[in-house]
Protein backbone atom coordinates (compact mmCIF):
# COMPACT_ATOMS: atom_id res chain seq x y z
CA UNK A 1 -4.99 -2.53 17.79
CA UNK A 2 -1.78 -1.55 19.56
CA UNK A 3 -2.20 1.37 22.00
CA UNK A 4 0.72 3.36 22.97
CA UNK A 5 2.34 6.91 22.57
CA UNK A 6 3.68 6.25 18.72
CA UNK A 7 2.45 8.55 16.20
CA UNK A 8 2.08 6.69 12.78
CA UNK A 9 1.59 8.80 9.60
CA UNK A 10 1.35 6.94 6.12
CA UNK A 11 1.88 8.50 2.79
CA UNK A 12 1.41 5.89 -0.14
CA UNK A 13 4.11 3.19 0.24
CA UNK A 14 5.64 5.22 3.13
CA UNK A 15 4.96 5.03 6.89
CA UNK A 16 6.59 7.45 9.34
CA UNK A 17 6.52 6.46 12.80
CA UNK A 18 7.42 8.52 15.80
CA UNK A 19 8.64 6.66 18.80
CA UNK A 20 8.66 9.40 21.68
CA UNK A 21 9.54 6.46 24.18
CA UNK A 22 12.14 5.07 22.16
CA UNK A 23 11.89 2.21 19.56
CA UNK A 24 13.18 -0.51 21.97
CA UNK A 25 10.09 -0.27 24.26
CA UNK A 26 7.38 0.11 21.38
CA UNK A 27 5.05 -2.75 20.43
CA UNK A 28 5.29 -1.59 16.93
CA UNK A 29 8.34 -3.56 15.53
CA UNK A 30 9.57 -4.35 12.11
CA UNK A 31 8.53 -7.78 12.37
CA UNK A 32 4.84 -6.96 13.32
CA UNK A 33 4.83 -4.37 10.33
CA UNK A 34 6.04 -6.86 7.91
CA UNK A 35 3.81 -9.66 9.02
CA UNK A 36 0.90 -7.22 8.91
CA UNK A 37 1.65 -5.72 5.51
CA UNK A 38 2.82 -9.02 4.05
CA UNK A 39 5.98 -7.40 2.71
CA UNK A 40 9.37 -6.76 3.65
CA UNK A 41 10.47 -3.33 4.69
CA UNK A 42 13.49 -0.97 5.90
CA UNK A 43 13.69 1.60 8.55
CA UNK A 44 15.94 4.65 8.75
CA UNK A 45 16.08 7.11 11.80
CA UNK A 46 15.48 10.80 11.07
CA UNK A 47 19.14 11.82 11.37
CA UNK A 48 19.98 9.31 8.46
CA UNK A 49 17.51 10.55 6.23
CA UNK A 50 18.66 14.16 6.76
CA UNK A 51 22.16 13.17 6.11
CA UNK A 52 21.22 11.08 2.90
CA UNK A 53 18.80 14.18 1.73
CA UNK A 54 21.85 16.46 2.28
CA UNK A 55 24.17 14.36 -0.21
CA UNK A 56 21.42 14.29 -2.77
CA UNK A 57 21.15 18.05 -2.56
CA UNK A 58 25.02 18.62 -3.14
């Protein structure tokens, strides 16, 4: 188990991770996530998610 200040919420195939101390200091890396799950993944920061959602809503 990794202990830190990160908050992880999983909903189906989606995981939402909050990095209050910054992603650069976290032990929860994309490499570790992909190895643990045995699959490739992608990540977006919340500002990008909101921008894309705004494009879809228009």
